[in-house]
Amino acid sequence: MRHAKFIARTVFVHNNDVEAACKILNRILGREDILDQYRRTRFFEKPFQFRRRINFERCKSIYNEDMDRKIQFVLRKNRMDPFPGSS
């Protein structure tokens, strides 16, 4: 079942199927990092843990950006040589 785009995190319950609606809501909250933010603010985060988490998130974003760029390069279309370096 395809769900419509969400407005203000509203989830519709179809045919009294509350469990499916909860799964959809949890997926939305997980994708938007709301659950992670809630878990982080439940307890005090020590300064060294905060610095470690921030540095990890920076490194992860740099790595993901680099991998996306490499994947886009490999998946390019309309190239003269579709497999560079293999000749």
C-alpha atoms as a PDB file:
ATOM      1  CA  MET A   1       0.000   0.000   0.000  1.00  0.00           C
ATOM      2  CA  ARG A   2       1.505   3.308  -1.081  1.00  0.00           C
ATOM      3  CA  HIS A   3       1.089   6.062   1.451  1.00  0.00           C
ATOM      4  CA  ALA A   4       0.509   9.660   0.433  1.00  0.00           C
ATOM      5  CA  LYS A   5       3.142  12.270   1.155  1.00  0.00           C
ATOM      6  CA  PHE A   6       3.091  13.190   4.801  1.00  0.00           C
ATOM      7  CA  ILE A   7       1.970  16.555   6.084  1.00  0.00           C
ATOM      8  CA  ALA A   8       3.148  17.314   9.614  1.00  0.00           C
ATOM      9  CA  ARG A   9       3.835  13.605  10.225  1.00  0.00           C
ATOM     10  CA  THR A  10       0.181  12.608   9.875  1.00  0.00           C
ATOM     11  CA  VAL A  11      -0.445   8.898   9.393  1.00  0.00           C
ATOM     12  CA  PHE A  12      -3.824   7.646   8.274  1.00  0.00           C
ATOM     13  CA  VAL A  13      -5.254   4.429   9.726  1.00  0.00           C
ATOM     14  CA  HIS A  14      -6.951   2.348   7.037  1.00  0.00           C
ATOM     15  CA  ASN A  15      -9.463  -0.413   7.938  1.00  0.00           C
ATOM     16  CA  ASN A  16      -8.651  -0.102  11.666  1.00  0.00           C
ATOM     17  CA  ASP A  17      -5.149  -1.450  11.026  1.00  0.00           C
ATOM     18  CA  VAL A  18      -3.327   0.417  13.800  1.00  0.00           C
ATOM     19  CA  GLU A  19      -0.196  -1.779  13.667  1.00  0.00           C
ATOM     20  CA  ALA A  20       0.494  -0.903  10.040  1.00  0.00           C
ATOM     21  CA  ALA A  21       0.016   2.786  10.849  1.00  0.00           C
ATOM     22  CA  CYS A  22       2.480   2.487  13.759  1.00  0.00           C
ATOM     23  CA  LYS A  23       5.038   0.848  11.473  1.00  0.00           C
ATOM     24  CA  ILE A  24       4.673   3.678   8.983  1.00  0.00           C
ATOM     25  CA  LEU A  25       4.997   6.284  11.748  1.00  0.00           C
ATOM     26  CA  ASN A  26       8.121   4.602  13.150  1.00  0.00           C
ATOM     27  CA  ARG A  27       9.627   4.517   9.655  1.00  0.00           C
ATOM     28  CA  ILE A  28       8.949   8.246   9.223  1.00  0.00           C
ATOM     29  CA  LEU A  29      10.413   9.124  12.613  1.00  0.00           C
ATOM     30  CA  GLY A  30      13.460   6.960  11.977  1.00  0.00           C
ATOM     31  CA  ARG A  31      14.092   8.457   8.544  1.00  0.00           C
ATOM     32  CA  GLU A  32      13.928  11.997   9.922  1.00  0.00           C
ATOM     33  CA  ASP A  33      16.258  11.155  12.853  1.00  0.00           C
ATOM     34  CA  ILE A  34      13.645  12.171  15.398  1.00  0.00           C
ATOM     35  CA  LEU A  35      14.024   8.914  17.340  1.00  0.00           C
ATOM     36  CA  ASP A  36      17.818   9.319  17.461  1.00  0.00           C
ATOM     37  CA  GLN A  37      17.450  12.882  18.685  1.00  0.00           C
ATOM     38  CA  TYR A  38      15.021  11.714  21.374  1.00  0.00           C
ATOM     39  CA  ARG A  39      17.398   8.966  22.507  1.00  0.00           C
ATOM     40  CA  ARG A  40      20.285  11.434  22.650  1.00  0.00           C
ATOM     41  CA  THR A  41      18.399  13.922  24.811  1.00  0.00           C
ATOM     42  CA  ARG A  42      17.058  11.345  27.272  1.00  0.00           C
ATOM     43  CA  PHE A  43      20.368  11.254  29.128  1.00  0.00           C
ATOM     44  CA  PHE A  44      23.176  13.718  29.545  1.00  0.00           C
ATOM     45  CA  GLU A  45      25.845  13.373  26.885  1.00  0.00           C
ATOM     46  CA  LYS A  46      29.331  13.956  28.208  1.00  0.00           C
ATOM     47  CA  PRO A  47      31.407  16.495  26.283  1.00  0.00           C
ATOM     48  CA  PHE A  48      33.857  13.885  24.963  1.00  0.00           C
ATOM     49  CA  GLN A  49      30.957  11.739  23.764  1.00  0.00           C
ATOM     50  CA  PHE A  50      29.422  14.780  22.084  1.00  0.00           C
ATOM     51  CA  ARG A  51      32.692  15.605  20.305  1.00  0.00           C
ATOM     52  CA  ARG A  52      33.152  11.973  19.277  1.00  0.00           C
ATOM     53  CA  ARG A  53      29.604  11.776  17.870  1.00  0.00           C
ATOM     54  CA  ILE A  54      29.924  15.066  15.986  1.00  0.00           C
ATOM     55  CA  ASN A  55      33.273  14.026  14.473  1.00  0.00           C
ATOM     56  CA  PHE A  56      31.839  10.648  13.480  1.00  0.00           C
ATOM     57  CA  GLU A  57      28.833  12.291  11.811  1.00  0.00           C
ATOM     58  CA  ARG A  58      31.138  14.653   9.893  1.00  0.00           C
ATOM     59  CA  CYS A  59      33.348  11.796   8.710  1.00  0.00           C
ATOM     60  CA  LYS A  60      30.309   9.758   7.761  1.00  0.00           C
ATOM     61  CA  SER A  61      28.806  12.591   5.712  1.00  0.00           C
ATOM     62  CA  ILE A  62      32.127  13.186   3.920  1.00  0.00           C
ATOM     63  CA  TYR A  63      32.444   9.479   3.168  1.00  0.00           C
ATOM     64  CA  ASN A  64      28.853   9.227   1.910  1.00  0.00           C
ATOM     65  CA  GLU A  65      29.298  12.304  -0.286  1.00  0.00           C
ATOM     66  CA  ASP A  66      32.496  10.873  -1.751  1.00  0.00           C
ATOM     67  CA  MET A  67      30.883   7.482  -2.403  1.00  0.00           C
ATOM     68  CA  ASP A  68      27.866   9.123  -4.050  1.00  0.00           C
ATOM     69  CA  ARG A  69      30.202  11.067  -6.324  1.00  0.00           C
ATOM     70  CA  LYS A  70      32.089   7.890  -7.265  1.00  0.00           C
ATOM     71  CA  ILE A  71      28.869   5.974  -7.894  1.00  0.00           C
ATOM     72  CA  GLN A  72      27.528   8.784 -10.080  1.00  0.00           C
ATOM     73  CA  PHE A  73      30.796   8.747 -12.028  1.00  0.00           C
ATOM     74  CA  VAL A  74      30.558   5.009 -12.644  1.00  0.00           C
ATOM     75  CA  LEU A  75      26.885   5.214 -13.609  1.00  0.00           C
ATOM     76  CA  ARG A  76      27.379   8.030 -16.137  1.00  0.00           C
ATOM     77  CA  LYS A  77      25.766   7.488 -19.493  1.00  0.00           C
ATOM     78  CA  ASN A  78      26.670   8.672 -23.007  1.00  0.00           C
ATOM     79  CA  ARG A  79      30.398   8.262 -22.482  1.00  0.00           C
ATOM     80  CA  MET A  80      32.830   7.709 -25.312  1.00  0.00           C
ATOM     81  CA  ASP A  81      34.477   4.867 -23.367  1.00  0.00           C
ATOM     82  CA  PRO A  82      31.850   3.301 -21.083  1.00  0.00           C
ATOM     83  CA  PHE A  83      34.494   1.367 -19.131  1.00  0.00           C
ATOM     84  CA  PRO A  84      37.479   3.693 -18.643  1.00  0.00           C
ATOM     85  CA  GLY A  85      40.772   1.954 -18.031  1.00  0.00           C
ATOM     86  CA  SER A  86      39.625  -1.482 -19.204  1.00  0.00           C
ATOM     87  CA  SER A  87      41.057  -1.316 -22.757  1.00  0.00           C
END
